[in-house]
Amino acid sequence: MAIVQVENVNKRYLLGEQEVQALTDISLSVEPGVFLAIAGPSGSGKSTLLNIIGCIDTPSNGRVLIDGRDVSGQTPDELADLRARTIGFIFQTFNLLPVLSAEENVEYPLLQLRELSRSERRERVKHYLAMVGLGKYATHRPNQLSGGQRQRVAIARALATHSKVVLADEPTANLDHKTGEGILRLMKDINRKAGTTFIFSTHDRRVMNMADRLVRIEDGQINALGMRAGDKWVFVQDRRTTDEEPEI
């Protein structure tokens, strides 16, 4: 069963008195354990699609299923509970709370999971900070950490809720080349070892080169769906007007 199922989704916004069609008839199936890149230029609709998958935004029409659960028509509280237990988020600006330490930032979303005791929360925090190589920096606040370290805290926070899907919106955009490469290798390693599904919104070639699934989106429409076969891409849907493919 797909972990994410998007069916005939459209998204329209009102910009002043003008209606803007952000997404048009998007259908997409994401299998558990994939490392998927949604790629496209700025304004293509990739972040809108990621927000709809993450239940941050809702489609104008169409249907979205997360882990087999139809999220259409659910209340804000129900969507918040789904996000807390199923979906982790990693953003390009890290979105850490500056007054909290690294361990407190990782623990913060766990406070919504009332079935966890304080000792269980602490154990999870310790485990995931160690996983991303930041056990020694648990008491440091964000302004005492480098950009790469802050992004590692964000990764630990996304994983600590035992998320089945991690959504990453341009996670390397604010990092230098070497640091960005290290962050991507870390996420790929977690994907392989833990089977966590990663979905990226990106125009970074490095992300596309590491992905095993690719969705190319332009003007709010999917124009290519590809999967990696060895060192080649096989496109099961292809509306592109050029033969451009991601670099390997």
Protein backbone atom coordinates (compact mmCIF):
# COMPACT_ATOMS: atom_id res chain seq x y z
CA MET A 1 0.00 0.00 0.00
CA ALA A 2 1.24 3.49 -0.83
CA ILE A 3 2.28 5.61 2.15
CA VAL A 4 1.13 8.73 0.24
CA GLN A 5 -1.62 8.76 -2.38
CA VAL A 6 -2.56 11.97 -4.21
CA GLU A 7 -5.58 11.66 -6.49
CA ASN A 8 -6.64 14.29 -9.04
CA VAL A 9 -5.64 17.19 -6.80
CA ASN A 10 -6.17 20.79 -7.86
CA LYS A 11 -5.21 23.86 -5.87
CA ARG A 12 -6.46 27.38 -6.58
CA TYR A 13 -5.61 30.59 -4.73
CA LEU A 14 -7.13 34.03 -4.82
CA LEU A 15 -4.48 36.68 -5.38
CA GLY A 16 -6.41 39.88 -4.96
CA GLU A 17 -9.32 39.43 -7.34
CA GLN A 18 -7.42 37.04 -9.59
CA GLU A 19 -7.64 33.27 -9.27
CA VAL A 20 -4.30 31.46 -9.55
CA GLN A 21 -4.17 27.78 -10.46
CA ALA A 22 -1.23 26.45 -8.42
CA LEU A 23 -1.77 22.72 -9.12
CA THR A 24 -3.70 21.03 -11.91
CA ASP A 25 -4.94 17.42 -11.76
CA ILE A 26 -2.01 16.02 -9.76
CA SER A 27 -1.98 12.26 -9.16
CA LEU A 28 0.95 10.64 -7.40
CA SER A 29 1.62 7.42 -5.49
CA VAL A 30 4.57 7.16 -3.08
CA GLU A 31 5.67 3.75 -1.84
CA PRO A 32 7.03 3.25 1.68
CA GLY A 33 10.80 3.63 2.01
CA VAL A 34 11.49 5.67 -1.12
CA PHE A 35 13.82 8.68 -1.41
CA LEU A 36 11.80 10.92 -3.70
CA ALA A 37 12.59 14.33 -5.17
CA ILE A 38 9.86 16.70 -6.38
CA ALA A 39 11.85 18.93 -8.71
CA GLY A 40 10.96 22.08 -10.58
CA PRO A 41 11.74 25.77 -10.97
CA SER A 42 10.58 28.45 -8.53
CA GLY A 43 6.83 28.91 -8.79
CA SER A 44 6.28 25.48 -10.34
CA GLY A 45 4.02 24.29 -7.51
CA LYS A 46 6.42 21.86 -5.84
CA SER A 47 6.22 23.50 -2.39
CA THR A 48 2.42 23.70 -2.67
CA LEU A 49 2.31 19.97 -3.41
CA LEU A 50 4.62 19.25 -0.46
CA ASN A 51 2.41 21.34 1.86
CA ILE A 52 -0.69 19.45 0.71
CA ILE A 53 1.03 16.09 1.31
CA GLY A 54 2.03 17.39 4.75
CA CYS A 55 -1.55 18.44 5.58
CA ILE A 56 -0.38 22.03 6.07
CA ASP A 57 -2.54 23.08 3.12
CA THR A 58 -5.68 21.52 1.66
CA PRO A 59 -6.56 20.91 -1.99
CA SER A 60 -9.37 22.82 -3.72
CA ASN A 61 -10.56 19.44 -4.92
CA GLY A 62 -9.19 15.93 -5.22
CA ARG A 63 -8.18 13.48 -2.52
CA VAL A 64 -5.08 12.83 -0.39
CA LEU A 65 -4.46 9.65 1.61
CA ILE A 66 -1.64 9.41 4.15
CA ASP A 67 -0.80 5.91 5.37
CA GLY A 68 -4.17 4.75 4.06
CA ARG A 69 -6.10 7.51 5.82
CA ASP A 70 -8.20 9.90 3.73
CA VAL A 71 -7.45 13.38 5.09
CA SER A 72 -10.24 15.09 3.14
CA GLY A 73 -12.67 16.93 5.37
CA GLN A 74 -10.76 16.30 8.57
CA THR A 75 -10.77 18.95 11.29
CA PRO A 76 -7.65 21.02 12.08
CA ASP A 77 -7.22 19.03 15.31
CA GLU A 78 -7.43 15.72 13.45
CA LEU A 79 -4.89 16.92 10.89
CA ALA A 80 -2.58 18.15 13.66
CA ASP A 81 -2.72 14.71 15.30
CA LEU A 82 -1.95 13.01 11.97
CA ARG A 83 1.02 15.30 11.39
CA ALA A 84 2.31 14.73 14.92
CA ARG A 85 2.28 10.95 14.57
CA THR A 86 2.99 10.31 10.90
CA ILE A 87 4.81 13.21 9.23
CA GLY A 88 8.11 14.91 10.03
CA PHE A 89 9.20 18.23 8.53
CA ILE A 90 12.63 19.61 7.64
CA PHE A 91 12.81 23.20 6.34
CA GLN A 92 15.57 25.20 4.68
CA THR A 93 15.46 27.74 7.54
CA PHE A 94 15.65 24.93 10.18
CA ASN A 95 12.67 26.39 12.15
CA LEU A 96 14.25 25.72 15.54
CA LEU A 97 13.04 27.57 18.62
CA PRO A 98 15.95 29.87 19.54
CA VAL A 99 15.31 29.85 23.30
CA LEU A 100 15.43 26.04 23.49
CA SER A 101 18.48 23.80 23.49
CA ALA A 102 19.02 21.13 20.84
CA GLU A 103 17.53 18.43 23.08
CA GLU A 104 14.56 20.64 23.98
CA ASN A 105 13.89 21.37 20.30
CA VAL A 106 13.86 17.64 19.54
CA GLU A 107 11.63 16.93 22.54
CA TYR A 108 9.14 19.71 21.77
CA PRO A 109 6.91 17.78 19.29
CA LEU A 110 6.96 14.76 21.60
CA LEU A 111 5.03 16.77 24.19
CA GLN A 112 1.95 16.27 21.99
CA LEU A 113 2.23 12.49 22.42
CA ARG A 114 0.65 12.15 25.83
CA GLU A 115 1.22 8.40 25.96
CA LEU A 116 4.97 9.00 26.30
CA SER A 117 6.43 9.40 29.78
CA ARG A 118 9.14 11.97 30.48
CA SER A 119 11.78 9.22 30.61
CA GLU A 120 10.57 7.80 27.28
CA ARG A 121 10.77 11.25 25.68
CA ARG A 122 14.29 11.75 27.03
CA GLU A 123 15.37 8.36 25.70
CA ARG A 124 14.09 9.18 22.23
CA VAL A 125 15.80 12.57 22.26
CA LYS A 126 19.10 11.03 23.29
CA HIS A 127 18.79 8.30 20.64
CA TYR A 128 18.05 10.61 17.70
CA LEU A 129 20.60 13.27 18.63
CA ALA A 130 23.18 10.49 18.74
CA MET A 131 21.94 9.21 15.38
CA VAL A 132 22.68 12.58 13.74
CA GLY A 133 26.00 12.92 15.54
CA LEU A 134 25.04 15.65 18.00
CA GLY A 135 25.03 13.85 21.34
CA LYS A 136 27.76 16.20 22.64
CA TYR A 137 25.77 19.28 21.67
CA ALA A 138 22.47 18.41 23.38
CA THR A 139 22.51 21.46 25.66
CA HIS A 140 23.59 23.95 22.97
CA ARG A 141 21.09 26.50 21.70
CA PRO A 142 20.69 27.09 17.95
CA ASN A 143 22.87 30.23 17.98
CA GLN A 144 25.72 28.10 19.35
CA LEU A 145 25.47 25.65 16.44
CA SER A 146 26.59 25.82 12.81
CA GLY A 147 24.05 25.71 9.97
CA GLY A 148 24.78 22.03 9.37
CA GLN A 149 24.38 21.22 13.05
CA ARG A 150 21.07 23.08 13.19
CA GLN A 151 19.82 21.08 10.22
CA ARG A 152 20.88 17.88 12.00
CA VAL A 153 18.79 18.95 15.01
CA ALA A 154 15.86 19.47 12.63
CA ILE A 155 16.37 15.96 11.22
CA ALA A 156 16.45 14.47 14.74
CA ARG A 157 13.26 16.38 15.59
CA ALA A 158 11.53 15.04 12.45
CA LEU A 159 12.49 11.46 13.30
CA ALA A 160 11.82 11.52 17.04
CA THR A 161 8.05 11.22 16.61
CA HIS A 162 8.69 7.97 14.67
CA SER A 163 7.45 9.64 11.52
CA LYS A 164 6.73 7.32 8.62
CA VAL A 165 7.22 10.16 6.12
CA VAL A 166 9.73 13.01 6.33
CA LEU A 167 9.04 16.03 4.11
CA ALA A 168 12.06 18.20 3.34
CA ASP A 169 11.56 21.61 1.70
CA GLU A 170 14.87 22.73 0.11
CA PRO A 171 16.84 21.38 3.11
CA THR A 172 20.26 22.23 1.62
CA ALA A 173 19.44 25.73 0.35
CA ASN A 174 21.04 27.59 3.28
CA LEU A 175 24.07 25.31 3.60
CA ASP A 176 27.46 25.43 1.90
CA HIS A 177 28.27 22.71 -0.63
CA LYS A 178 30.26 20.44 1.69
CA THR A 179 27.79 20.72 4.58
CA GLY A 180 24.84 20.14 2.24
CA GLU A 181 26.46 16.99 0.87
CA GLY A 182 26.94 15.68 4.41
CA ILE A 183 23.30 16.37 5.34
CA LEU A 184 22.06 14.57 2.21
CA ARG A 185 24.29 11.55 2.89
CA LEU A 186 22.97 11.44 6.46
CA MET A 187 19.33 11.44 5.28
CA LYS A 188 20.08 8.81 2.64
CA ASP A 189 21.74 6.63 5.28
CA ILE A 190 18.69 6.96 7.55
CA ASN A 191 16.44 6.14 4.60
CA ARG A 192 18.37 2.95 3.86
CA LYS A 193 18.78 1.74 7.43
CA ALA A 194 15.43 2.73 8.94
CA GLY A 195 13.23 2.57 5.84
CA THR A 196 11.91 6.09 6.48
CA THR A 197 10.23 7.64 3.43
CA PHE A 198 11.78 10.96 2.40
CA ILE A 199 10.05 13.40 0.04
CA PHE A 200 12.01 16.49 -1.04
CA SER A 201 10.90 19.70 -2.69
CA THR A 202 14.02 20.85 -4.50
CA HIS A 203 15.82 22.26 -7.49
CA ASP A 204 19.17 21.01 -6.15
CA ARG A 205 20.87 18.57 -8.53
CA ARG A 206 22.55 16.84 -5.60
CA VAL A 207 19.17 15.83 -4.16
CA MET A 208 18.01 14.55 -7.55
CA ASN A 209 21.23 12.58 -7.96
CA MET A 210 20.61 10.75 -4.66
CA ALA A 211 16.90 10.15 -5.24
CA ASP A 212 15.50 6.80 -6.35
CA ARG A 213 12.22 8.39 -7.50
CA LEU A 214 11.76 11.69 -9.33
CA VAL A 215 8.71 13.88 -9.95
CA ARG A 216 9.30 16.81 -12.28
CA ILE A 217 6.68 19.54 -11.96
CA GLU A 218 6.19 22.69 -14.03
CA ASP A 219 3.35 25.21 -14.13
CA GLY A 220 1.46 23.18 -11.53
CA GLN A 221 1.49 19.97 -13.56
CA ILE A 222 3.56 16.81 -13.41
CA ASN A 223 5.51 16.54 -16.65
CA ALA A 224 7.68 13.53 -15.75
CA LEU A 225 7.68 10.62 -13.31
CA GLY A 226 10.89 8.64 -13.11
CA MET A 227 12.50 5.83 -11.16
CA ARG A 228 16.15 4.94 -10.97
CA ALA A 229 17.33 1.72 -12.60
CA GLY A 230 21.03 1.38 -11.82
CA ASP A 231 22.69 4.57 -13.03
CA LYS A 232 19.84 5.44 -15.43
CA TRP A 233 16.41 7.02 -15.06
CA VAL A 234 13.38 5.21 -16.45
CA PHE A 235 10.48 7.62 -17.00
CA VAL A 236 7.08 5.99 -16.65
CA GLN A 237 5.39 9.27 -17.53
CA ASP A 238 7.11 11.90 -19.63
CA ARG A 239 5.60 15.11 -21.01
CA ARG A 240 8.89 17.00 -21.16
CA THR A 241 9.70 18.94 -24.31
CA THR A 242 13.45 18.24 -23.95
CA ASP A 243 15.53 15.15 -23.20
CA GLU A 244 17.02 16.71 -20.07
CA GLU A 245 17.64 14.20 -17.28
CA PRO A 246 19.15 14.60 -13.82
CA GLU A 247 22.89 14.14 -13.64
CA ILE A 248 24.10 10.89 -12.07
